[in-house]
């Protein structure tokens, strides 16, 4: 069980790092390279994409924290 949770922790941490890097910062960061921050996209504009990116980041951060707590209890 501990090995499965440790593997899940690695996957969650990599996904969380990628999601954080996709956020636009002062310089539009890595998200500008993939067109996440552009306003005229085919998916209804950048604000919807940014909002969904925020939701996914918070969800994976919560999963990360829960997994850490479970790993500490084992």
PDB file of N, CA and C in Angstrom:
ATOM      1  N   UNK A   1       0.818  -1.197   0.000  1.00  0.00           N
ATOM      2  CA  UNK A   1       0.000   0.000   0.000  1.00  0.00           C
ATOM      3  C   UNK A   1       0.862   1.260   0.000  1.00  0.00           C
ATOM      4  N   UNK A   2       1.943   1.202   0.788  1.00  0.00           N
ATOM      5  CA  UNK A   2       2.839   2.360   0.858  1.00  0.00           C
ATOM      6  C   UNK A   2       3.522   2.622  -0.477  1.00  0.00           C
ATOM      7  N   UNK A   3       3.858   1.569  -1.203  1.00  0.00           N
ATOM      8  CA  UNK A   3       4.503   1.735  -2.514  1.00  0.00           C
ATOM      9  C   UNK A   3       3.547   2.375  -3.517  1.00  0.00           C
ATOM     10  N   UNK A   4       2.286   1.994  -3.469  1.00  0.00           N
ATOM     11  CA  UNK A   4       1.295   2.570  -4.379  1.00  0.00           C
ATOM     12  C   UNK A   4       1.098   4.049  -4.077  1.00  0.00           C
ATOM     13  N   UNK A   5       0.987   4.383  -2.800  1.00  0.00           N
ATOM     14  CA  UNK A   5       0.800   5.784  -2.411  1.00  0.00           C
ATOM     15  C   UNK A   5       2.040   6.623  -2.716  1.00  0.00           C
ATOM     16  N   UNK A   6       3.223   6.028  -2.593  1.00  0.00           N
ATOM     17  CA  UNK A   6       4.448   6.756  -2.934  1.00  0.00           C
ATOM     18  C   UNK A   6       4.525   7.022  -4.429  1.00  0.00           C
ATOM     19  N   UNK A   7       4.137   6.054  -5.226  1.00  0.00           N
ATOM     20  CA  UNK A   7       4.096   6.255  -6.670  1.00  0.00           C
ATOM     21  C   UNK A   7       3.076   7.308  -7.063  1.00  0.00           C
ATOM     22  N   UNK A   8       1.928   7.290  -6.395  1.00  0.00           N
ATOM     23  CA  UNK A   8       0.899   8.299  -6.634  1.00  0.00           C
ATOM     24  C   UNK A   8       1.405   9.683  -6.239  1.00  0.00           C
ATOM     25  N   UNK A   9       2.203   9.748  -5.183  1.00  0.00           N
ATOM     26  CA  UNK A   9       2.756  11.026  -4.736  1.00  0.00           C
ATOM     27  C   UNK A   9       3.690  11.604  -5.794  1.00  0.00           C
ATOM     28  N   UNK A  10       4.476  10.771  -6.422  1.00  0.00           N
ATOM     29  CA  UNK A  10       5.386  11.238  -7.477  1.00  0.00           C
ATOM     30  C   UNK A  10       4.581  11.774  -8.659  1.00  0.00           C
ATOM     31  N   UNK A  11       3.543  11.047  -9.056  1.00  0.00           N
ATOM     32  CA  UNK A  11       2.714  11.478 -10.179  1.00  0.00           C
ATOM     33  C   UNK A  11       2.014  12.794  -9.849  1.00  0.00           C
ATOM     34  N   UNK A  12       1.460  12.890  -8.638  1.00  0.00           N
ATOM     35  CA  UNK A  12       0.781  14.123  -8.234  1.00  0.00           C
ATOM     36  C   UNK A  12       1.734  15.309  -8.199  1.00  0.00           C
ATOM     37  N   UNK A  13       2.948  15.088  -7.735  1.00  0.00           N
ATOM     38  CA  UNK A  13       3.894  16.199  -7.657  1.00  0.00           C
ATOM     39  C   UNK A  13       4.302  16.684  -9.044  1.00  0.00           C
ATOM     40  N   UNK A  14       4.508  15.765  -9.994  1.00  0.00           N
ATOM     41  CA  UNK A  14       4.874  16.164 -11.354  1.00  0.00           C
ATOM     42  C   UNK A  14       3.721  16.923 -12.022  1.00  0.00           C
ATOM     43  N   UNK A  15       2.505  16.425 -11.861  1.00  0.00           N
ATOM     44  CA  UNK A  15       1.339  17.099 -12.444  1.00  0.00           C
ATOM     45  C   UNK A  15       1.156  18.480 -11.816  1.00  0.00           C
ATOM     46  N   UNK A  16       1.350  18.585 -10.527  1.00  0.00           N
ATOM     47  CA  UNK A  16       1.202  19.863  -9.840  1.00  0.00           C
ATOM     48  C   UNK A  16       2.262  20.860 -10.307  1.00  0.00           C
ATOM     49  N   UNK A  17       3.477  20.414 -10.511  1.00  0.00           N
ATOM     50  CA  UNK A  17       4.536  21.291 -11.019  1.00  0.00           C
ATOM     51  C   UNK A  17       4.176  21.809 -12.409  1.00  0.00           C
ATOM     52  N   UNK A  18       3.690  20.920 -13.274  1.00  0.00           N
ATOM     53  CA  UNK A  18       3.311  21.331 -14.629  1.00  0.00           C
ATOM     54  C   UNK A  18       2.156  22.332 -14.591  1.00  0.00           C
ATOM     55  N   UNK A  19       1.158  22.067 -13.750  1.00  0.00           N
ATOM     56  CA  UNK A  19       0.017  22.980 -13.661  1.00  0.00           C
ATOM     57  C   UNK A  19       0.435  24.355 -13.143  1.00  0.00           C
ATOM     58  N   UNK A  20       1.342  24.397 -12.186  1.00  0.00           N
ATOM     59  CA  UNK A  20       1.808  25.674 -11.660  1.00  0.00           C
ATOM     60  C   UNK A  20       2.610  26.430 -12.712  1.00  0.00           C
ATOM     61  N   UNK A  21       3.413  25.719 -13.488  1.00  0.00           N
ATOM     62  CA  UNK A  21       4.192  26.376 -14.529  1.00  0.00           C
ATOM     63  C   UNK A  21       3.319  26.902 -15.661  1.00  0.00           C
ATOM     64  N   UNK A  22       2.148  26.337 -15.847  1.00  0.00           N
ATOM     65  CA  UNK A  22       1.251  26.810 -16.893  1.00  0.00           C
ATOM     66  C   UNK A  22       0.550  28.121 -16.544  1.00  0.00           C
ATOM     67  N   UNK A  23       0.557  28.511 -15.272  1.00  0.00           N
ATOM     68  CA  UNK A  23      -0.075  29.768 -14.873  1.00  0.00           C
ATOM     69  C   UNK A  23       0.709  30.935 -15.445  1.00  0.00           C
ATOM     70  N   UNK A  24      -0.026  31.969 -15.824  1.00  0.00           N
ATOM     71  CA  UNK A  24       0.637  33.152 -16.364  1.00  0.00           C
ATOM     72  C   UNK A  24       1.093  34.040 -15.218  1.00  0.00           C
ATOM     73  N   UNK A  25       2.271  34.531 -15.354  1.00  0.00           N
ATOM     74  CA  UNK A  25       2.808  35.435 -14.352  1.00  0.00           C
ATOM     75  C   UNK A  25       2.935  36.823 -14.943  1.00  0.00           C
ATOM     76  N   UNK A  26       3.908  37.578 -14.464  1.00  0.00           N
ATOM     77  CA  UNK A  26       4.143  38.919 -15.001  1.00  0.00           C
ATOM     78  C   UNK A  26       4.499  38.864 -16.488  1.00  0.00           C
ATOM     79  N   UNK A  27       5.333  37.920 -16.855  1.00  0.00           N
ATOM     80  CA  UNK A  27       5.832  37.829 -18.221  1.00  0.00           C
ATOM     81  C   UNK A  27       5.040  36.844 -19.058  1.00  0.00           C
ATOM     82  N   UNK A  28       3.897  36.422 -18.608  1.00  0.00           N
ATOM     83  CA  UNK A  28       3.044  35.428 -19.260  1.00  0.00           C
ATOM     84  C   UNK A  28       3.674  34.047 -19.214  1.00  0.00           C
ATOM     85  N   UNK A  29       4.844  33.905 -18.662  1.00  0.00           N
ATOM     86  CA  UNK A  29       5.477  32.626 -18.361  1.00  0.00           C
ATOM     87  C   UNK A  29       5.348  31.545 -19.407  1.00  0.00           C
ATOM     88  N   UNK A  30       5.217  30.338 -18.940  1.00  0.00           N
ATOM     89  CA  UNK A  30       5.139  29.188 -19.815  1.00  0.00           C
ATOM     90  C   UNK A  30       3.777  29.089 -20.470  1.00  0.00           C
ATOM     91  N   UNK A  31       2.770  29.699 -19.869  1.00  0.00           N
ATOM     92  CA  UNK A  31       1.425  29.615 -20.438  1.00  0.00           C
ATOM     93  C   UNK A  31       1.339  30.355 -21.764  1.00  0.00           C
ATOM     94  N   UNK A  32       2.132  31.381 -21.951  1.00  0.00           N
ATOM     95  CA  UNK A  32       2.135  32.103 -23.213  1.00  0.00           C
ATOM     96  C   UNK A  32       2.670  31.259 -24.356  1.00  0.00           C
ATOM     97  N   UNK A  33       3.572  30.346 -24.051  1.00  0.00           N
ATOM     98  CA  UNK A  33       4.127  29.483 -25.088  1.00  0.00           C
ATOM     99  C   UNK A  33       3.103  28.496 -25.612  1.00  0.00           C
ATOM    100  N   UNK A  34       2.148  28.124 -24.786  1.00  0.00           N
ATOM    101  CA  UNK A  34       1.134  27.158 -25.200  1.00  0.00           C
ATOM    102  C   UNK A  34      -0.194  27.811 -25.549  1.00  0.00           C
ATOM    103  N   UNK A  35      -0.262  29.135 -25.496  1.00  0.00           N
ATOM    104  CA  UNK A  35      -1.482  29.835 -25.862  1.00  0.00           C
ATOM    105  C   UNK A  35      -2.570  29.809 -24.805  1.00  0.00           C
ATOM    106  N   UNK A  36      -2.220  29.525 -23.553  1.00  0.00           N
ATOM    107  CA  UNK A  36      -3.226  29.465 -22.501  1.00  0.00           C
ATOM    108  C   UNK A  36      -3.730  30.859 -22.169  1.00  0.00           C
ATOM    109  N   UNK A  37      -2.863  31.838 -22.198  1.00  0.00           N
ATOM    110  CA  UNK A  37      -3.253  33.173 -21.790  1.00  0.00           C
ATOM    111  C   UNK A  37      -3.838  34.034 -22.886  1.00  0.00           C
ATOM    112  N   UNK A  38      -3.978  33.531 -24.093  1.00  0.00           N
ATOM    113  CA  UNK A  38      -4.488  34.348 -25.187  1.00  0.00           C
ATOM    114  C   UNK A  38      -5.985  34.527 -25.060  1.00  0.00           C
ATOM    115  N   UNK A  39      -6.461  35.699 -25.425  1.00  0.00           N
ATOM    116  CA  UNK A  39      -7.872  36.018 -25.266  1.00  0.00           C
ATOM    117  C   UNK A  39      -8.738  35.516 -26.397  1.00  0.00           C
ATOM    118  N   UNK A  40      -8.186  35.350 -27.595  1.00  0.00           N
ATOM    119  CA  UNK A  40      -9.015  35.011 -28.738  1.00  0.00           C
ATOM    120  C   UNK A  40      -8.943  33.558 -29.132  1.00  0.00           C
ATOM    121  N   UNK A  41      -8.940  32.684 -28.197  1.00  0.00           N
ATOM    122  CA  UNK A  41      -8.848  31.259 -28.501  1.00  0.00           C
ATOM    123  C   UNK A  41     -10.177  30.670 -28.929  1.00  0.00           C
ATOM    124  N   UNK A  42     -10.150  29.473 -29.474  1.00  0.00           N
ATOM    125  CA  UNK A  42     -11.396  28.834 -29.926  1.00  0.00           C
ATOM    126  C   UNK A  42     -12.255  28.306 -28.793  1.00  0.00           C
ATOM    127  N   UNK A  43     -11.768  28.310 -27.575  1.00  0.00           N
ATOM    128  CA  UNK A  43     -12.509  27.742 -26.443  1.00  0.00           C
ATOM    129  C   UNK A  43     -13.136  28.812 -25.566  1.00  0.00           C
ATOM    130  N   UNK A  44     -13.420  29.981 -26.115  1.00  0.00           N
ATOM    131  CA  UNK A  44     -14.146  30.990 -25.358  1.00  0.00           C
ATOM    132  C   UNK A  44     -13.286  32.000 -24.635  1.00  0.00           C
ATOM    133  N   UNK A  45     -12.013  32.095 -24.964  1.00  0.00           N
ATOM    134  CA  UNK A  45     -11.175  33.128 -24.369  1.00  0.00           C
ATOM    135  C   UNK A  45     -10.305  32.620 -23.243  1.00  0.00           C
ATOM    136  N   UNK A  46      -9.358  33.469 -22.870  1.00  0.00           N
ATOM    137  CA  UNK A  46      -8.375  33.083 -21.870  1.00  0.00           C
ATOM    138  C   UNK A  46      -8.917  33.010 -20.457  1.00  0.00           C
ATOM    139  N   UNK A  47      -9.946  33.785 -20.149  1.00  0.00           N
ATOM    140  CA  UNK A  47     -10.417  33.803 -18.768  1.00  0.00           C
ATOM    141  C   UNK A  47     -11.020  32.461 -18.358  1.00  0.00           C
ATOM    142  N   UNK A  48     -11.740  31.819 -19.249  1.00  0.00           N
ATOM    143  CA  UNK A  48     -12.315  30.503 -18.955  1.00  0.00           C
ATOM    144  C   UNK A  48     -11.219  29.463 -18.790  1.00  0.00           C
ATOM    145  N   UNK A  49     -10.225  29.540 -19.640  1.00  0.00           N
ATOM    146  CA  UNK A  49      -9.111  28.588 -19.552  1.00  0.00           C
ATOM    147  C   UNK A  49      -8.330  28.804 -18.266  1.00  0.00           C
ATOM    148  N   UNK A  50      -8.088  30.065 -17.916  1.00  0.00           N
ATOM    149  CA  UNK A  50      -7.372  30.349 -16.674  1.00  0.00           C
ATOM    150  C   UNK A  50      -8.170  29.893 -15.456  1.00  0.00           C
ATOM    151  N   UNK A  51      -9.480  30.082 -15.492  1.00  0.00           N
ATOM    152  CA  UNK A  51     -10.315  29.648 -14.371  1.00  0.00           C
ATOM    153  C   UNK A  51     -10.271  28.132 -14.215  1.00  0.00           C
ATOM    154  N   UNK A  52     -10.356  27.418 -15.329  1.00  0.00           N
ATOM    155  CA  UNK A  52     -10.268  25.949 -15.262  1.00  0.00           C
ATOM    156  C   UNK A  52      -8.886  25.501 -14.818  1.00  0.00           C
ATOM    157  N   UNK A  53      -7.845  26.207 -15.245  1.00  0.00           N
ATOM    158  CA  UNK A  53      -6.487  25.886 -14.813  1.00  0.00           C
ATOM    159  C   UNK A  53      -6.353  26.090 -13.303  1.00  0.00           C
ATOM    160  N   UNK A  54      -6.968  27.151 -12.788  1.00  0.00           N
ATOM    161  CA  UNK A  54      -6.947  27.383 -11.337  1.00  0.00           C
ATOM    162  C   UNK A  54      -7.660  26.260 -10.598  1.00  0.00           C
ATOM    163  N   UNK A  55      -8.799  25.828 -11.116  1.00  0.00           N
ATOM    164  CA  UNK A  55      -9.552  24.747 -10.469  1.00  0.00           C
ATOM    165  C   UNK A  55      -8.754  23.455 -10.449  1.00  0.00           C
ATOM    166  N   UNK A  56      -8.136  23.111 -11.569  1.00  0.00           N
ATOM    167  CA  UNK A  56      -7.339  21.879 -11.631  1.00  0.00           C
ATOM    168  C   UNK A  56      -6.136  21.960 -10.691  1.00  0.00           C
ATOM    169  N   UNK A  57      -5.522  23.126 -10.605  1.00  0.00           N
ATOM    170  CA  UNK A  57      -4.365  23.277  -9.720  1.00  0.00           C
ATOM    171  C   UNK A  57      -4.770  23.102  -8.261  1.00  0.00           C
ATOM    172  N   UNK A  58      -5.878  23.707  -7.872  1.00  0.00           N
ATOM    173  CA  UNK A  58      -6.349  23.567  -6.485  1.00  0.00           C
ATOM    174  C   UNK A  58      -6.729  22.117  -6.195  1.00  0.00           C
ATOM    175  N   UNK A  59      -7.388  21.461  -7.148  1.00  0.00           N
ATOM    176  CA  UNK A  59      -7.795  20.068  -6.938  1.00  0.00           C
ATOM    177  C   UNK A  59      -6.582  19.155  -6.763  1.00  0.00           C
ATOM    178  N   UNK A  60      -5.570  19.321  -7.610  1.00  0.00           N
ATOM    179  CA  UNK A  60      -4.382  18.483  -7.484  1.00  0.00           C
ATOM    180  C   UNK A  60      -3.572  18.833  -6.245  1.00  0.00           C
ATOM    181  N   UNK A  61      -3.594  20.100  -5.824  1.00  0.00           N
ATOM    182  CA  UNK A  61      -2.904  20.474  -4.591  1.00  0.00           C
ATOM    183  C   UNK A  61      -3.570  19.821  -3.384  1.00  0.00           C
ATOM    184  N   UNK A  62      -4.896  19.784  -3.381  1.00  0.00           N
ATOM    185  CA  UNK A  62      -5.605  19.125  -2.278  1.00  0.00           C
ATOM    186  C   UNK A  62      -5.329  17.620  -2.262  1.00  0.00           C
ATOM    187  N   UNK A  63      -5.334  16.998  -3.444  1.00  0.00           N
ATOM    188  CA  UNK A  63      -4.994  15.570  -3.515  1.00  0.00           C
ATOM    189  C   UNK A  63      -3.578  15.315  -3.020  1.00  0.00           C
ATOM    190  N   UNK A  64      -2.660  16.220  -3.358  1.00  0.00           N
ATOM    191  CA  UNK A  64      -1.274  16.102  -2.917  1.00  0.00           C
ATOM    192  C   UNK A  64      -1.190  16.144  -1.392  1.00  0.00           C
ATOM    193  N   UNK A  65      -1.886  17.105  -0.782  1.00  0.00           N
ATOM    194  CA  UNK A  65      -1.851  17.257   0.680  1.00  0.00           C
ATOM    195  C   UNK A  65      -2.485  16.050   1.369  1.00  0.00           C
ATOM    196  N   UNK A  66      -3.615  15.586   0.843  1.00  0.00           N
ATOM    197  CA  UNK A  66      -4.279  14.417   1.426  1.00  0.00           C
ATOM    198  C   UNK A  66      -3.369  13.193   1.332  1.00  0.00           C
ATOM    199  N   UNK A  67      -2.698  13.045   0.201  1.00  0.00           N
ATOM    200  CA  UNK A  67      -1.805  11.900   0.037  1.00  0.00           C
ATOM    201  C   UNK A  67      -0.614  11.982   0.997  1.00  0.00           C
ATOM    202  N   UNK A  68      -0.105  13.175   1.234  1.00  0.00           N
ATOM    203  CA  UNK A  68       0.990  13.344   2.196  1.00  0.00           C
ATOM    204  C   UNK A  68       0.529  12.937   3.591  1.00  0.00           C
ATOM    205  N   UNK A  69      -0.655  13.387   3.971  1.00  0.00           N
ATOM    206  CA  UNK A  69      -1.169  13.050   5.301  1.00  0.00           C
ATOM    207  C   UNK A  69      -1.374  11.552   5.444  1.00  0.00           C
ATOM    208  N   UNK A  70      -1.902  10.916   4.419  1.00  0.00           N
ATOM    209  CA  UNK A  70      -2.109   9.452   4.464  1.00  0.00           C
ATOM    210  C   UNK A  70      -0.775   8.736   4.539  1.00  0.00           C
ATOM    211  N   UNK A  71       0.218   9.213   3.780  1.00  0.00           N
ATOM    212  CA  UNK A  71       1.543   8.581   3.843  1.00  0.00           C
ATOM    213  C   UNK A  71       2.182   8.751   5.216  1.00  0.00           C
ATOM    214  N   UNK A  72       1.948   9.865   5.879  1.00  0.00           N
ATOM    215  CA  UNK A  72       2.506  10.074   7.210  1.00  0.00           C
ATOM    216  C   UNK A  72       1.840   9.197   8.256  1.00  0.00           C
ATOM    217  N   UNK A  73       0.581   8.865   8.040  1.00  0.00           N
ATOM    218  CA  UNK A  73      -0.149   8.033   9.008  1.00  0.00           C
ATOM    219  C   UNK A  73       0.214   6.558   8.884  1.00  0.00           C
ATOM    220  N   UNK A  74       0.747   6.166   7.734  1.00  0.00           N
ATOM    221  CA  UNK A  74       1.089   4.745   7.541  1.00  0.00           C
ATOM    222  C   UNK A  74       2.359   4.407   8.289  1.00  0.00           C
TER     223      UNK A  74
END
